[in-house]
Amino acid sequence: MNVQGNKEEGILTIAVDGRIDGATAPDLEGRLVEWLNQGENRIILDLQEVYYISSAGLRVVLMGAKRLQNKGRLVLAGLKPEVKEIFEMAGFDTILNFYDQPGSAREALQNG
């Protein structure tokens, strides 16, 4: 798994590729916590290149969303159908916004 962050116009896009599972989720969590502690509060989690996410990965996403609950926003972009299905089965579609592409996620964050 690789994790890359790119900040543009006050929005941090975190691109992840590979698997987010018990072995890789701690790395993603550490990076995400680091960015949150630096004050990032508008985050796109770009999962276009993620082909699998386990419950450990879901926990990391939930942690990030909860930390931003009253002072920012975390959205998901580019989910492959099989990854989106996992998020939906876990009920994440009721608490997070999903976008087809990072560009549409960026527009949504810019417009409030």
C-alpha atoms as a PDB file:
ATOM      1  CA  MET A   1       0.000   0.000   0.000  1.00  0.00           C
ATOM      2  CA  ASN A   2       1.189   3.498  -0.837  1.00  0.00           C
ATOM      3  CA  VAL A   3      -0.177   6.720   0.658  1.00  0.00           C
ATOM      4  CA  GLN A   4       0.419  10.115  -0.958  1.00  0.00           C
ATOM      5  CA  GLY A   5      -0.929  13.464   0.211  1.00  0.00           C
ATOM      6  CA  ASN A   6      -1.379  16.510  -1.990  1.00  0.00           C
ATOM      7  CA  LYS A   7      -2.808  19.794  -0.714  1.00  0.00           C
ATOM      8  CA  GLU A   8      -4.384  22.191  -3.160  1.00  0.00           C
ATOM      9  CA  GLU A   9      -6.549  25.223  -2.351  1.00  0.00           C
ATOM     10  CA  GLY A  10      -6.952  24.161   1.282  1.00  0.00           C
ATOM     11  CA  ILE A  11      -8.093  20.630   0.451  1.00  0.00           C
ATOM     12  CA  LEU A  12      -5.890  17.620   1.190  1.00  0.00           C
ATOM     13  CA  THR A  13      -6.242  14.703  -1.213  1.00  0.00           C
ATOM     14  CA  ILE A  14      -4.882  11.452   0.176  1.00  0.00           C
ATOM     15  CA  ALA A  15      -4.336   8.924  -2.608  1.00  0.00           C
ATOM     16  CA  VAL A  16      -4.081   5.325  -1.473  1.00  0.00           C
ATOM     17  CA  ASP A  17      -3.308   2.285  -3.586  1.00  0.00           C
ATOM     18  CA  GLY A  18      -3.268  -1.442  -2.985  1.00  0.00           C
ATOM     19  CA  ARG A  19      -4.902  -3.190  -0.036  1.00  0.00           C
ATOM     20  CA  ILE A  20      -6.015  -1.560   3.191  1.00  0.00           C
ATOM     21  CA  ASP A  21      -6.004  -4.416   5.662  1.00  0.00           C
ATOM     22  CA  GLY A  22      -4.717  -5.365   9.101  1.00  0.00           C
ATOM     23  CA  ALA A  23      -1.112  -5.141   7.921  1.00  0.00           C
ATOM     24  CA  THR A  24      -1.373  -1.784   6.126  1.00  0.00           C
ATOM     25  CA  ALA A  25      -4.107   0.073   8.012  1.00  0.00           C
ATOM     26  CA  PRO A  26      -1.754   1.206  10.834  1.00  0.00           C
ATOM     27  CA  ASP A  27       0.405   3.045   8.279  1.00  0.00           C
ATOM     28  CA  LEU A  28      -2.631   4.822   6.814  1.00  0.00           C
ATOM     29  CA  GLU A  29      -3.874   5.640  10.306  1.00  0.00           C
ATOM     30  CA  GLY A  30      -0.514   7.101  11.329  1.00  0.00           C
ATOM     31  CA  ARG A  31      -0.360   9.320   8.256  1.00  0.00           C
ATOM     32  CA  LEU A  32      -3.995  10.404   8.631  1.00  0.00           C
ATOM     33  CA  VAL A  33      -3.545  11.260  12.327  1.00  0.00           C
ATOM     34  CA  GLU A  34      -0.431  13.249  11.439  1.00  0.00           C
ATOM     35  CA  TRP A  35      -2.363  15.317   8.897  1.00  0.00           C
ATOM     36  CA  LEU A  36      -5.291  15.790  11.282  1.00  0.00           C
ATOM     37  CA  ASN A  37      -2.923  16.928  14.024  1.00  0.00           C
ATOM     38  CA  GLN A  38      -1.469  19.472  11.587  1.00  0.00           C
ATOM     39  CA  GLY A  39      -4.947  20.957  11.267  1.00  0.00           C
ATOM     40  CA  GLU A  40      -6.130  19.478   7.978  1.00  0.00           C
ATOM     41  CA  ASN A  41      -9.913  19.597   8.028  1.00  0.00           C
ATOM     42  CA  ARG A  42     -11.031  19.142   4.417  1.00  0.00           C
ATOM     43  CA  ILE A  43      -9.876  15.735   3.217  1.00  0.00           C
ATOM     44  CA  ILE A  44     -10.563  13.643   0.138  1.00  0.00           C
ATOM     45  CA  LEU A  45      -9.640  10.002   0.523  1.00  0.00           C
ATOM     46  CA  ASP A  46      -8.923   8.970  -3.072  1.00  0.00           C
ATOM     47  CA  LEU A  47      -9.396   5.198  -3.244  1.00  0.00           C
ATOM     48  CA  GLN A  48      -9.336   4.760  -7.035  1.00  0.00           C
ATOM     49  CA  GLU A  49      -6.418   2.333  -6.764  1.00  0.00           C
ATOM     50  CA  VAL A  50      -7.632   0.420  -3.703  1.00  0.00           C
ATOM     51  CA  TYR A  51      -8.963  -3.015  -4.560  1.00  0.00           C
ATOM     52  CA  TYR A  52      -9.636  -4.304  -1.030  1.00  0.00           C
ATOM     53  CA  ILE A  53     -10.438  -2.834   2.386  1.00  0.00           C
ATOM     54  CA  SER A  54     -10.866  -4.836   5.585  1.00  0.00           C
ATOM     55  CA  SER A  55     -12.555  -3.932   8.845  1.00  0.00           C
ATOM     56  CA  ALA A  56      -9.206  -2.504  10.011  1.00  0.00           C
ATOM     57  CA  GLY A  57      -9.283  -0.095   7.066  1.00  0.00           C
ATOM     58  CA  LEU A  58     -12.905   0.810   7.730  1.00  0.00           C
ATOM     59  CA  ARG A  59     -11.961   1.640  11.317  1.00  0.00           C
ATOM     60  CA  VAL A  60      -9.281   4.088  10.112  1.00  0.00           C
ATOM     61  CA  VAL A  61     -11.748   5.844   7.804  1.00  0.00           C
ATOM     62  CA  LEU A  62     -14.329   6.033  10.601  1.00  0.00           C
ATOM     63  CA  MET A  63     -11.747   7.454  13.008  1.00  0.00           C
ATOM     64  CA  GLY A  64     -10.857  10.203  10.519  1.00  0.00           C
ATOM     65  CA  ALA A  65     -14.492  11.049   9.862  1.00  0.00           C
ATOM     66  CA  LYS A  66     -15.285  11.208  13.590  1.00  0.00           C
ATOM     67  CA  ARG A  67     -12.322  13.494  14.294  1.00  0.00           C
ATOM     68  CA  LEU A  68     -13.619  15.902  11.653  1.00  0.00           C
ATOM     69  CA  GLN A  69     -17.279  15.562  12.585  1.00  0.00           C
ATOM     70  CA  ASN A  70     -17.783  19.078  13.955  1.00  0.00           C
ATOM     71  CA  LYS A  71     -14.841  20.909  12.430  1.00  0.00           C
ATOM     72  CA  GLY A  72     -14.355  19.656   8.908  1.00  0.00           C
ATOM     73  CA  ARG A  73     -15.176  16.947   6.437  1.00  0.00           C
ATOM     74  CA  LEU A  74     -13.748  13.718   5.075  1.00  0.00           C
ATOM     75  CA  VAL A  75     -15.160  12.372   1.803  1.00  0.00           C
ATOM     76  CA  LEU A  76     -14.367   9.320  -0.312  1.00  0.00           C
ATOM     77  CA  ALA A  77     -13.682   9.324  -4.034  1.00  0.00           C
ATOM     78  CA  GLY A  78     -13.169   6.812  -6.825  1.00  0.00           C
ATOM     79  CA  LEU A  79     -14.296   3.645  -5.083  1.00  0.00           C
ATOM     80  CA  LYS A  80     -14.194   0.479  -7.151  1.00  0.00           C
ATOM     81  CA  PRO A  81     -17.570  -1.348  -7.038  1.00  0.00           C
ATOM     82  CA  GLU A  82     -16.259  -4.118  -4.771  1.00  0.00           C
ATOM     83  CA  VAL A  83     -14.784  -1.589  -2.312  1.00  0.00           C
ATOM     84  CA  LYS A  84     -17.904   0.586  -2.394  1.00  0.00           C
ATOM     85  CA  GLU A  85     -19.976  -2.497  -1.594  1.00  0.00           C
ATOM     86  CA  ILE A  86     -17.916  -3.111   1.560  1.00  0.00           C
ATOM     87  CA  PHE A  87     -18.457   0.489   2.701  1.00  0.00           C
ATOM     88  CA  GLU A  88     -22.191   0.201   1.995  1.00  0.00           C
ATOM     89  CA  MET A  89     -22.535  -3.141   3.821  1.00  0.00           C
ATOM     90  CA  ALA A  90     -20.894  -1.506   6.845  1.00  0.00           C
ATOM     91  CA  GLY A  91     -23.360   1.412   6.650  1.00  0.00           C
ATOM     92  CA  PHE A  92     -20.751   4.038   5.789  1.00  0.00           C
ATOM     93  CA  ASP A  93     -22.922   5.393   2.974  1.00  0.00           C
ATOM     94  CA  THR A  94     -25.170   6.905   5.657  1.00  0.00           C
ATOM     95  CA  ILE A  95     -22.355   8.852   7.354  1.00  0.00           C
ATOM     96  CA  LEU A  96     -19.939   9.705   4.510  1.00  0.00           C
ATOM     97  CA  ASN A  97     -20.268  11.133   1.040  1.00  0.00           C
ATOM     98  CA  PHE A  98     -18.974   9.091  -1.896  1.00  0.00           C
ATOM     99  CA  TYR A  99     -17.931  10.691  -5.191  1.00  0.00           C
ATOM    100  CA  ASP A 100     -17.070   9.025  -8.485  1.00  0.00           C
ATOM    101  CA  GLN A 101     -13.921  11.100  -9.002  1.00  0.00           C
ATOM    102  CA  PRO A 102     -11.618  13.230  -6.825  1.00  0.00           C
ATOM    103  CA  GLY A 103     -12.566  16.243  -8.968  1.00  0.00           C
ATOM    104  CA  SER A 104     -16.237  16.032  -8.043  1.00  0.00           C
ATOM    105  CA  ALA A 105     -15.276  15.520  -4.389  1.00  0.00           C
ATOM    106  CA  ARG A 106     -13.106  18.646  -4.575  1.00  0.00           C
ATOM    107  CA  GLU A 107     -15.988  20.677  -6.021  1.00  0.00           C
ATOM    108  CA  ALA A 108     -18.278  19.509  -3.215  1.00  0.00           C
ATOM    109  CA  LEU A 109     -15.748  20.502  -0.529  1.00  0.00           C
ATOM    110  CA  GLN A 110     -15.109  23.877  -2.152  1.00  0.00           C
ATOM    111  CA  ASN A 111     -18.831  24.621  -2.302  1.00  0.00           C
ATOM    112  CA  GLY A 112     -19.429  23.738   1.326  1.00  0.00           C
END
